[in-house]
C-alpha atoms as a PDB file:
ATOM      1  CA  MET A   1       0.006  -0.079   0.166  1.00  0.00           C
ATOM      2  CA  ALA A   2       1.362   3.164  -0.725  1.00  0.00           C
ATOM      3  CA  PHE A   3       1.167   6.677   1.667  1.00  0.00           C
ATOM      4  CA  ARG A   4       0.982   9.910   0.072  1.00  0.00           C
ATOM      5  CA  SER A   5       3.848  12.286   1.222  1.00  0.00           C
ATOM      6  CA  SER A   6       1.146  14.373   3.013  1.00  0.00           C
ATOM      7  CA  ILE A   7       1.074  12.140   6.551  1.00  0.00           C
ATOM      8  CA  TYR A   8       4.636  13.655   7.070  1.00  0.00           C
ATOM      9  CA  LYS A   9       4.706  16.869   9.013  1.00  0.00           C
ATOM     10  CA  THR A  10       7.470  19.615   9.016  1.00  0.00           C
ATOM     11  CA  ALA A  11       9.326  20.308  12.158  1.00  0.00           C
ATOM     12  CA  ALA A  12       7.632  23.580  12.437  1.00  0.00           C
ATOM     13  CA  GLU A  13       3.859  21.688  12.264  1.00  0.00           C
ATOM     14  CA  LEU A  14       5.180  19.111  15.028  1.00  0.00           C
ATOM     15  CA  LYS A  15       6.118  22.056  17.169  1.00  0.00           C
ATOM     16  CA  LEU A  16       2.629  23.419  16.725  1.00  0.00           C
ATOM     17  CA  MET A  17       0.724  19.959  17.734  1.00  0.00           C
ATOM     18  CA  VAL A  18       3.108  20.580  21.443  1.00  0.00           C
ATOM     19  CA  GLN A  19       0.530  22.675  22.811  1.00  0.00           C
ATOM     20  CA  SER A  20      -2.545  20.701  22.019  1.00  0.00           C
ATOM     21  CA  GLY A  21      -1.239  17.543  23.269  1.00  0.00           C
ATOM     22  CA  LEU A  22      -0.424  19.387  26.652  1.00  0.00           C
ATOM     23  CA  ILE A  23      -3.741  20.532  26.718  1.00  0.00           C
ATOM     24  CA  THR A  24      -5.138  16.993  26.591  1.00  0.00           C
ATOM     25  CA  ALA A  25      -2.936  15.603  28.951  1.00  0.00           C
ATOM     26  CA  ALA A  26      -3.865  18.496  31.292  1.00  0.00           C
ATOM     27  CA  ALA A  27      -7.549  17.759  30.933  1.00  0.00           C
ATOM     28  CA  LEU A  28      -6.982  14.144  31.775  1.00  0.00           C
ATOM     29  CA  ASP A  29      -4.821  14.698  34.426  1.00  0.00           C
ATOM     30  CA  ALA A  30      -7.651  16.515  35.973  1.00  0.00           C
ATOM     31  CA  VAL A  31     -10.496  13.824  35.311  1.00  0.00           C
ATOM     32  CA  ARG A  32      -7.936  11.155  36.522  1.00  0.00           C
ATOM     33  CA  ALA A  33      -7.948  13.078  40.011  1.00  0.00           C
ATOM     34  CA  ALA A  34     -11.760  13.356  40.189  1.00  0.00           C
ATOM     35  CA  ILE A  35     -12.674   9.521  39.816  1.00  0.00           C
ATOM     36  CA  VAL A  36     -13.834   8.334  42.903  1.00  0.00           C
ATOM     37  CA  PRO A  37     -16.980   6.504  43.774  1.00  0.00           C
ATOM     38  CA  GLY A  38     -19.944   8.646  43.593  1.00  0.00           C
ATOM     39  CA  VAL A  39     -18.907  10.859  40.974  1.00  0.00           C
ATOM     40  CA  THR A  40     -20.959  10.838  37.644  1.00  0.00           C
ATOM     41  CA  THR A  41     -19.297  10.702  34.220  1.00  0.00           C
ATOM     42  CA  LEU A  42     -21.290  13.899  32.946  1.00  0.00           C
ATOM     43  CA  GLU A  43     -19.444  15.319  36.255  1.00  0.00           C
ATOM     44  CA  LEU A  44     -15.902  13.991  34.844  1.00  0.00           C
ATOM     45  CA  ASP A  45     -16.905  15.252  31.125  1.00  0.00           C
ATOM     46  CA  ALA A  46     -17.868  18.612  32.810  1.00  0.00           C
ATOM     47  CA  ILE A  47     -14.040  19.042  34.248  1.00  0.00           C
ATOM     48  CA  ALA A  48     -12.508  17.593  30.978  1.00  0.00           C
ATOM     49  CA  GLU A  49     -14.089  20.434  29.193  1.00  0.00           C
ATOM     50  CA  ARG A  50     -13.611  23.346  31.470  1.00  0.00           C
ATOM     51  CA  VAL A  51      -9.751  22.535  31.844  1.00  0.00           C
ATOM     52  CA  ILE A  52      -9.456  22.541  27.835  1.00  0.00           C
ATOM     53  CA  ARG A  53     -11.431  25.817  27.374  1.00  0.00           C
ATOM     54  CA  ASP A  54      -9.599  27.601  30.189  1.00  0.00           C
ATOM     55  CA  ALA A  55      -6.935  26.927  28.076  1.00  0.00           C
ATOM     56  CA  GLY A  56      -7.951  28.769  25.038  1.00  0.00           C
ATOM     57  CA  ALA A  57      -8.636  25.510  23.177  1.00  0.00           C
ATOM     58  CA  GLU A  58     -11.608  23.430  22.173  1.00  0.00           C
ATOM     59  CA  PRO A  59     -12.662  19.730  22.614  1.00  0.00           C
ATOM     60  CA  ASN A  60     -12.104  18.113  19.611  1.00  0.00           C
ATOM     61  CA  PHE A  61     -14.460  15.058  19.938  1.00  0.00           C
ATOM     62  CA  MET A  62     -17.303  17.913  20.577  1.00  0.00           C
ATOM     63  CA  LEU A  63     -16.190  18.324  16.604  1.00  0.00           C
ATOM     64  CA  VAL A  64     -17.287  14.553  15.331  1.00  0.00           C
ATOM     65  CA  PRO A  65     -20.503  14.814  13.993  1.00  0.00           C
ATOM     66  CA  GLY A  66     -23.348  13.906  16.414  1.00  0.00           C
ATOM     67  CA  TYR A  67     -21.140  13.761  19.404  1.00  0.00           C
ATOM     68  CA  ARG A  68     -21.686  16.351  21.974  1.00  0.00           C
ATOM     69  CA  HIS A  69     -19.109  15.531  24.745  1.00  0.00           C
ATOM     70  CA  THR A  70     -15.637  16.587  25.795  1.00  0.00           C
ATOM     71  CA  ILE A  71     -14.468  12.869  26.779  1.00  0.00           C
ATOM     72  CA  CYS A  72     -15.579   9.006  25.883  1.00  0.00           C
ATOM     73  CA  ALA A  73     -15.910   7.369  29.330  1.00  0.00           C
ATOM     74  CA  SER A  74     -16.139   3.550  29.322  1.00  0.00           C
ATOM     75  CA  VAL A  75     -17.089   1.466  32.215  1.00  0.00           C
ATOM     76  CA  ASN A  76     -16.379  -2.042  32.626  1.00  0.00           C
ATOM     77  CA  GLU A  77     -17.258  -3.961  29.834  1.00  0.00           C
ATOM     78  CA  GLU A  78     -17.535  -0.980  27.651  1.00  0.00           C
ATOM     79  CA  VAL A  79     -14.365  -0.893  25.082  1.00  0.00           C
ATOM     80  CA  VAL A  80     -14.419   2.817  23.768  1.00  0.00           C
ATOM     81  CA  HIS A  81     -16.803   5.584  22.976  1.00  0.00           C
ATOM     82  CA  GLY A  82     -19.030   5.446  26.086  1.00  0.00           C
ATOM     83  CA  ILE A  83     -21.022   8.651  26.384  1.00  0.00           C
ATOM     84  CA  PRO A  84     -20.986  10.543  29.422  1.00  0.00           C
ATOM     85  CA  GLY A  85     -24.038  10.660  31.593  1.00  0.00           C
ATOM     86  CA  GLY A  86     -25.670   9.855  34.911  1.00  0.00           C
ATOM     87  CA  ARG A  87     -23.999   6.529  35.507  1.00  0.00           C
ATOM     88  CA  VAL A  88     -22.233   6.882  38.906  1.00  0.00           C
ATOM     89  CA  ILE A  89     -18.920   5.327  39.276  1.00  0.00           C
ATOM     90  CA  GLN A  90     -18.571   2.716  41.755  1.00  0.00           C
ATOM     91  CA  PRO A  91     -15.946   1.081  44.128  1.00  0.00           C
ATOM     92  CA  GLY A  92     -13.981  -1.488  41.701  1.00  0.00           C
ATOM     93  CA  ASP A  93     -14.928  -0.106  38.347  1.00  0.00           C
ATOM     94  CA  ILE A  94     -12.299  -0.135  35.364  1.00  0.00           C
ATOM     95  CA  VAL A  95     -12.930   3.311  33.635  1.00  0.00           C
ATOM     96  CA  SER A  96     -11.253   4.553  30.596  1.00  0.00           C
ATOM     97  CA  ILE A  97     -11.022   7.947  29.379  1.00  0.00           C
ATOM     98  CA  ASP A  98     -10.292   9.220  25.936  1.00  0.00           C
ATOM     99  CA  CYS A  99      -9.985  12.851  25.378  1.00  0.00           C
ATOM    100  CA  GLY A 100      -8.644  15.336  22.903  1.00  0.00           C
ATOM    101  CA  ALA A 101      -8.100  19.178  22.474  1.00  0.00           C
ATOM    102  CA  GLN A 102      -7.764  21.368  19.340  1.00  0.00           C
ATOM    103  CA  LEU A 103      -5.473  24.186  19.435  1.00  0.00           C
ATOM    104  CA  ASP A 104      -5.169  26.878  16.576  1.00  0.00           C
ATOM    105  CA  GLY A 105      -6.380  23.841  14.379  1.00  0.00           C
ATOM    106  CA  TRP A 106      -4.001  20.601  15.549  1.00  0.00           C
ATOM    107  CA  ASN A 107      -4.644  18.150  17.919  1.00  0.00           C
ATOM    108  CA  GLY A 108      -4.251  16.252  20.778  1.00  0.00           C
ATOM    109  CA  ASP A 109      -5.696  12.569  21.425  1.00  0.00           C
ATOM    110  CA  SER A 110      -4.877  10.632  24.584  1.00  0.00           C
ATOM    111  CA  ALA A 111      -6.530   7.881  26.644  1.00  0.00           C
ATOM    112  CA  PHE A 112      -5.986   6.071  29.850  1.00  0.00           C
ATOM    113  CA  THR A 113      -7.784   3.806  32.229  1.00  0.00           C
ATOM    114  CA  VAL A 114      -8.031   3.736  36.204  1.00  0.00           C
ATOM    115  CA  VAL A 115      -9.543   1.065  38.473  1.00  0.00           C
ATOM    116  CA  VAL A 116     -11.316   2.131  41.195  1.00  0.00           C
ATOM    117  CA  PRO A 117     -10.361   1.076  44.810  1.00  0.00           C
ATOM    118  CA  ASP A 118     -12.456  -1.387  46.416  1.00  0.00           C
ATOM    119  CA  ASP A 119     -11.037  -2.938  49.564  1.00  0.00           C
ATOM    120  CA  SER A 120     -14.223  -5.629  49.939  1.00  0.00           C
ATOM    121  CA  ARG A 121     -13.160  -7.039  46.534  1.00  0.00           C
ATOM    122  CA  PRO A 122      -9.604  -6.903  46.443  1.00  0.00           C
ATOM    123  CA  GLU A 123      -9.396 -10.259  44.033  1.00  0.00           C
ATOM    124  CA  ILE A 124     -11.706  -8.200  41.509  1.00  0.00           C
ATOM    125  CA  VAL A 125      -9.481  -5.032  41.959  1.00  0.00           C
ATOM    126  CA  ALA A 126      -6.435  -7.048  41.266  1.00  0.00           C
ATOM    127  CA  GLU A 127      -7.653  -8.494  38.283  1.00  0.00           C
ATOM    128  CA  ARG A 128      -8.937  -5.445  36.904  1.00  0.00           C
ATOM    129  CA  GLN A 129      -5.647  -3.622  37.364  1.00  0.00           C
ATOM    130  CA  ARG A 130      -3.440  -6.317  35.699  1.00  0.00           C
ATOM    131  CA  LEU A 131      -5.655  -5.944  32.753  1.00  0.00           C
ATOM    132  CA  ALA A 132      -5.254  -2.201  32.823  1.00  0.00           C
ATOM    133  CA  ASP A 133      -1.188  -2.301  33.419  1.00  0.00           C
ATOM    134  CA  VAL A 134      -0.932  -4.782  30.637  1.00  0.00           C
ATOM    135  CA  ALA A 135      -2.493  -2.377  28.177  1.00  0.00           C
ATOM    136  CA  GLU A 136      -0.536   0.438  29.506  1.00  0.00           C
ATOM    137  CA  GLN A 137       3.059  -1.371  29.135  1.00  0.00           C
ATOM    138  CA  ALA A 138       2.007  -2.493  25.872  1.00  0.00           C
ATOM    139  CA  LEU A 139       1.307   1.402  24.896  1.00  0.00           C
ATOM    140  CA  TRP A 140       4.659   2.384  25.995  1.00  0.00           C
ATOM    141  CA  HIS A 141       6.254  -0.782  24.052  1.00  0.00           C
ATOM    142  CA  GLY A 142       5.131   0.242  21.098  1.00  0.00           C
ATOM    143  CA  ILE A 143       5.970   3.710  21.543  1.00  0.00           C
ATOM    144  CA  ALA A 144       9.511   2.713  22.010  1.00  0.00           C
ATOM    145  CA  ALA A 145       9.271   0.662  19.353  1.00  0.00           C
ATOM    146  CA  LEU A 146       8.639   3.939  17.025  1.00  0.00           C
ATOM    147  CA  ALA A 147      11.709   5.234  18.080  1.00  0.00           C
ATOM    148  CA  SER A 148      13.735   2.269  16.346  1.00  0.00           C
ATOM    149  CA  VAL A 149      11.901   0.402  13.862  1.00  0.00           C
ATOM    150  CA  LYS A 150      11.606   1.575  10.035  1.00  0.00           C
ATOM    151  CA  ARG A 151       8.155   0.731   9.235  1.00  0.00           C
ATOM    152  CA  LEU A 152       4.963   1.608  11.224  1.00  0.00           C
ATOM    153  CA  ASN A 153       3.210  -1.616  11.327  1.00  0.00           C
ATOM    154  CA  GLN A 154       6.480  -2.947  13.377  1.00  0.00           C
ATOM    155  CA  VAL A 155       4.924  -1.173  16.257  1.00  0.00           C
ATOM    156  CA  GLY A 156       1.703  -3.711  16.256  1.00  0.00           C
ATOM    157  CA  THR A 157       3.958  -6.312  16.336  1.00  0.00           C
ATOM    158  CA  ALA A 158       5.820  -4.317  19.423  1.00  0.00           C
ATOM    159  CA  VAL A 159       2.618  -4.379  21.262  1.00  0.00           C
ATOM    160  CA  GLU A 160       1.232  -7.682  20.399  1.00  0.00           C
ATOM    161  CA  GLU A 161       4.498  -8.986  21.487  1.00  0.00           C
ATOM    162  CA  TYR A 162       4.144  -7.358  24.643  1.00  0.00           C
ATOM    163  CA  ILE A 163       0.737  -8.889  25.483  1.00  0.00           C
ATOM    164  CA  LEU A 164       1.662 -12.401  24.651  1.00  0.00           C
ATOM    165  CA  GLN A 165       4.301 -12.378  27.054  1.00  0.00           C
ATOM    166  CA  ASN A 166       2.106 -11.131  29.802  1.00  0.00           C
ATOM    167  CA  PRO A 167      -0.768 -13.427  29.804  1.00  0.00           C
ATOM    168  CA  SER A 168      -3.748 -13.133  31.745  1.00  0.00           C
ATOM    169  CA  PRO A 169      -3.119 -15.083  35.249  1.00  0.00           C
ATOM    170  CA  LEU A 170      -6.790 -16.230  34.834  1.00  0.00           C
ATOM    171  CA  THR A 171      -7.400 -16.754  30.986  1.00  0.00           C
ATOM    172  CA  GLY A 172      -3.985 -17.146  29.777  1.00  0.00           C
ATOM    173  CA  ASP A 173      -5.231 -14.744  26.824  1.00  0.00           C
ATOM    174  CA  TRP A 174      -5.917 -11.537  26.818  1.00  0.00           C
ATOM    175  CA  GLY A 175      -8.027 -10.341  23.704  1.00  0.00           C
ATOM    176  CA  ILE A 176      -6.393  -7.691  21.510  1.00  0.00           C
ATOM    177  CA  ILE A 177      -9.327  -5.714  20.128  1.00  0.00           C
ATOM    178  CA  GLU A 178      -9.084  -5.428  16.030  1.00  0.00           C
ATOM    179  CA  ASP A 179     -11.840  -3.327  15.114  1.00  0.00           C
ATOM    180  CA  TYR A 180     -10.555  -0.207  16.058  1.00  0.00           C
ATOM    181  CA  THR A 181      -6.802   0.951  15.958  1.00  0.00           C
ATOM    182  CA  GLY A 182      -4.554   3.484  16.337  1.00  0.00           C
ATOM    183  CA  HIS A 183      -4.122   6.767  13.532  1.00  0.00           C
ATOM    184  CA  GLY A 184      -2.567   9.536  12.355  1.00  0.00           C
ATOM    185  CA  ILE A 185      -2.947  12.830  13.866  1.00  0.00           C
ATOM    186  CA  GLY A 186      -2.272  16.255  13.257  1.00  0.00           C
ATOM    187  CA  ARG A 187      -4.914  18.807  11.689  1.00  0.00           C
ATOM    188  CA  SER A 188      -7.837  16.233  12.351  1.00  0.00           C
ATOM    189  CA  MET A 189      -7.619  14.385  15.071  1.00  0.00           C
ATOM    190  CA  HIS A 190      -8.095  11.195  13.187  1.00  0.00           C
ATOM    191  CA  GLU A 191      -5.961  10.968  10.001  1.00  0.00           C
ATOM    192  CA  ASP A 192      -3.817   8.402   8.040  1.00  0.00           C
ATOM    193  CA  PRO A 193      -2.207   6.029   8.416  1.00  0.00           C
ATOM    194  CA  PRO A 194      -3.461   3.465  10.677  1.00  0.00           C
ATOM    195  CA  VAL A 195      -1.660   2.109  13.635  1.00  0.00           C
ATOM    196  CA  PHE A 196      -2.334  -1.401  14.310  1.00  0.00           C
ATOM    197  CA  ASN A 197      -2.047  -3.382  17.787  1.00  0.00           C
ATOM    198  CA  TYR A 198      -0.906  -6.489  16.239  1.00  0.00           C
ATOM    199  CA  SER A 199       0.922  -7.986  13.579  1.00  0.00           C
ATOM    200  CA  VAL A 200      -0.109  -7.689  10.227  1.00  0.00           C
ATOM    201  CA  ARG A 201       1.454  -8.435   6.923  1.00  0.00           C
ATOM    202  CA  GLU A 202       1.646  -5.327   5.385  1.00  0.00           C
ATOM    203  CA  LYS A 203       5.124  -3.184   6.334  1.00  0.00           C
ATOM    204  CA  GLY A 204       2.933   0.150   6.532  1.00  0.00           C
ATOM    205  CA  PRO A 205       4.351   3.419   5.765  1.00  0.00           C
ATOM    206  CA  GLU A 206       8.382   4.364   6.597  1.00  0.00           C
ATOM    207  CA  VAL A 207       8.974   6.053   9.899  1.00  0.00           C
ATOM    208  CA  ARG A 208      10.542   9.320   9.760  1.00  0.00           C
ATOM    209  CA  ALA A 209      10.724  12.719  10.556  1.00  0.00           C
ATOM    210  CA  GLY A 210       7.107  13.988  10.200  1.00  0.00           C
ATOM    211  CA  LEU A 211       5.444  11.153  11.345  1.00  0.00           C
ATOM    212  CA  ALA A 212       2.394  11.849  14.186  1.00  0.00           C
ATOM    213  CA  VAL A 213       0.470   9.318  14.930  1.00  0.00           C
ATOM    214  CA  ALA A 214      -2.125   8.150  18.116  1.00  0.00           C
ATOM    215  CA  ILE A 215      -1.060   4.882  19.274  1.00  0.00           C
ATOM    216  CA  GLU A 216      -3.910   2.874  21.387  1.00  0.00           C
ATOM    217  CA  PRO A 217      -4.149  -0.747  22.295  1.00  0.00           C
ATOM    218  CA  MET A 218      -7.592  -1.801  23.742  1.00  0.00           C
ATOM    219  CA  LEU A 219      -7.721  -4.847  25.345  1.00  0.00           C
ATOM    220  CA  THR A 220     -10.489  -6.967  26.952  1.00  0.00           C
ATOM    221  CA  ALA A 221     -10.195 -10.013  29.627  1.00  0.00           C
ATOM    222  CA  GLY A 222     -11.798 -12.287  27.575  1.00  0.00           C
ATOM    223  CA  THR A 223     -12.794 -12.212  23.213  1.00  0.00           C
ATOM    224  CA  ILE A 224     -12.313  -9.666  21.490  1.00  0.00           C
ATOM    225  CA  ASP A 225     -16.054  -9.475  20.016  1.00  0.00           C
ATOM    226  CA  THR A 226     -17.829  -6.205  20.428  1.00  0.00           C
ATOM    227  CA  VAL A 227     -21.354  -5.009  19.996  1.00  0.00           C
ATOM    228  CA  THR A 228     -22.250  -1.081  19.830  1.00  0.00           C
ATOM    229  CA  LEU A 229     -25.462  -0.376  22.461  1.00  0.00           C
ATOM    230  CA  ALA A 230     -28.376   1.034  21.697  1.00  0.00           C
ATOM    231  CA  ASP A 231     -26.874   4.606  21.487  1.00  0.00           C
ATOM    232  CA  ASP A 232     -24.898   3.702  18.562  1.00  0.00           C
ATOM    233  CA  TRP A 233     -21.369   5.174  20.365  1.00  0.00           C
ATOM    234  CA  THR A 234     -20.589   3.070  23.077  1.00  0.00           C
ATOM    235  CA  VAL A 235     -18.945  -0.446  22.111  1.00  0.00           C
ATOM    236  CA  ALA A 236     -18.915  -2.597  24.959  1.00  0.00           C
ATOM    237  CA  THR A 237     -17.291  -6.582  25.267  1.00  0.00           C
ATOM    238  CA  GLU A 238     -19.841  -8.950  23.584  1.00  0.00           C
ATOM    239  CA  ASP A 239     -18.988 -11.256  26.495  1.00  0.00           C
ATOM    240  CA  GLY A 240     -19.300  -8.912  29.198  1.00  0.00           C
ATOM    241  CA  THR A 241     -15.648  -9.063  30.185  1.00  0.00           C
ATOM    242  CA  MET A 242     -13.822  -6.227  31.330  1.00  0.00           C
ATOM    243  CA  ALA A 243     -11.770  -3.785  28.846  1.00  0.00           C
ATOM    244  CA  ALA A 244      -8.944  -0.985  29.331  1.00  0.00           C
ATOM    245  CA  HIS A 245      -7.996   1.382  26.648  1.00  0.00           C
ATOM    246  CA  TRP A 246      -4.579   3.644  26.806  1.00  0.00           C
ATOM    247  CA  GLU A 247      -3.603   5.978  23.649  1.00  0.00           C
ATOM    248  CA  HIS A 248      -0.803   8.458  23.352  1.00  0.00           C
ATOM    249  CA  SER A 249      -0.134  11.078  20.293  1.00  0.00           C
ATOM    250  CA  VAL A 250       3.661  10.777  19.571  1.00  0.00           C
ATOM    251  CA  ALA A 251       5.428  12.703  16.959  1.00  0.00           C
ATOM    252  CA  VAL A 252       8.936  11.295  15.110  1.00  0.00           C
ATOM    253  CA  HIS A 253      11.365  14.320  14.318  1.00  0.00           C
ATOM    254  CA  SER A 254      14.997  14.471  13.127  1.00  0.00           C
ATOM    255  CA  GLY A 255      16.093  14.027  16.981  1.00  0.00           C
ATOM    256  CA  GLY A 256      13.948  11.428  18.004  1.00  0.00           C
ATOM    257  CA  ILE A 257      10.487  10.758  19.054  1.00  0.00           C
ATOM    258  CA  TRP A 258       8.322  12.832  21.563  1.00  0.00           C
ATOM    259  CA  VAL A 259       5.043  11.800  23.484  1.00  0.00           C
ATOM    260  CA  LEU A 260       3.370  15.160  22.571  1.00  0.00           C
ATOM    261  CA  THR A 261       0.236  14.056  25.060  1.00  0.00           C
ATOM    262  CA  ALA A 262       2.828  13.590  28.064  1.00  0.00           C
ATOM    263  CA  ALA A 263       3.943  16.307  30.294  1.00  0.00           C
ATOM    264  CA  ASP A 264       7.448  14.955  30.212  1.00  0.00           C
ATOM    265  CA  GLY A 265       7.538  14.185  26.664  1.00  0.00           C
ATOM    266  CA  GLY A 266       7.211  10.094  27.369  1.00  0.00           C
ATOM    267  CA  ALA A 267      10.579  10.435  29.362  1.00  0.00           C
ATOM    268  CA  SER A 268       8.938   8.552  32.716  1.00  0.00           C
ATOM    269  CA  GLY A 269       7.056   5.801  30.739  1.00  0.00           C
ATOM    270  CA  LEU A 270       9.728   4.990  28.252  1.00  0.00           C
ATOM    271  CA  ALA A 271      12.867   4.744  30.949  1.00  0.00           C
ATOM    272  CA  ALA A 272      12.687   1.759  31.719  1.00  0.00           C
ATOM    273  CA  LEU A 273      12.743   0.484  28.180  1.00  0.00           C
ATOM    274  CA  GLY A 274      15.878   2.619  27.403  1.00  0.00           C
ATOM    275  CA  VAL A 275      14.256   5.488  25.038  1.00  0.00           C
ATOM    276  CA  THR A 276      15.073   8.793  26.058  1.00  0.00           C
ATOM    277  CA  PRO A 277      12.349  11.370  24.301  1.00  0.00           C
ATOM    278  CA  VAL A 278      13.646  14.388  22.707  1.00  0.00           C
ATOM    279  CA  PRO A 279      11.890  17.944  22.353  1.00  0.00           C
ATOM    280  CA  ILE A 280      11.049  19.013  18.921  1.00  0.00           C
ATOM    281  CA  ALA A 281      13.770  21.421  17.723  1.00  0.00           C
END
């Protein structure tokens, strides 16, 4: 498959993406701090919107036709695209928050998963935390691979290999969602090329300076089969098992890589993997 040179951005364009990434990160940090039993997903949505607008940006999820919220809040068996509303977060819930900001026409996109503490069900919490942790580390292994691979689809191989090397203690297998992938990012939140979370036959585009992508593994504790709920947005596991979702927007530039949606450029997440992110010059 041939990819147009337009998927690559100039160094100046990548630098313009830094601030939207930082605003996205700040919004997610504020939401993460607010996830406690009793809070509603709509209240979390309002927190993210306030952070983004106070920074002079706009929630880019609201620019998606038909979507009226700042975040996607997916709880327990929900994988992605959960609509914020009156759902009250409960002890033991596994909660995935996806969010993005647009500033001066440039986009950031990121997601995290947390497990709400529940002292009455430590085994459940531990199982869900393991799922969230494997998904997070799979993301960082994919980002680390981006620093050295020649072709983009090698990132998916790195993500899958980490997941396979860290099986579920209960079932032995995690489900790597295939229907939803990462993507390019820039002037639009979702651009070419796709970023797979598993090995594929095609090599994908060349990894070189100017590439900006959102890497976002989604894992389940069961099968990879999903259903879209009656709201036409929320995607849930068909078998009702738990799900986790992590994402960062990452830029490749002449000096290396920089995680746009991490305040430290990804330094803390990449340190154990021997990769040092380099600010965009």
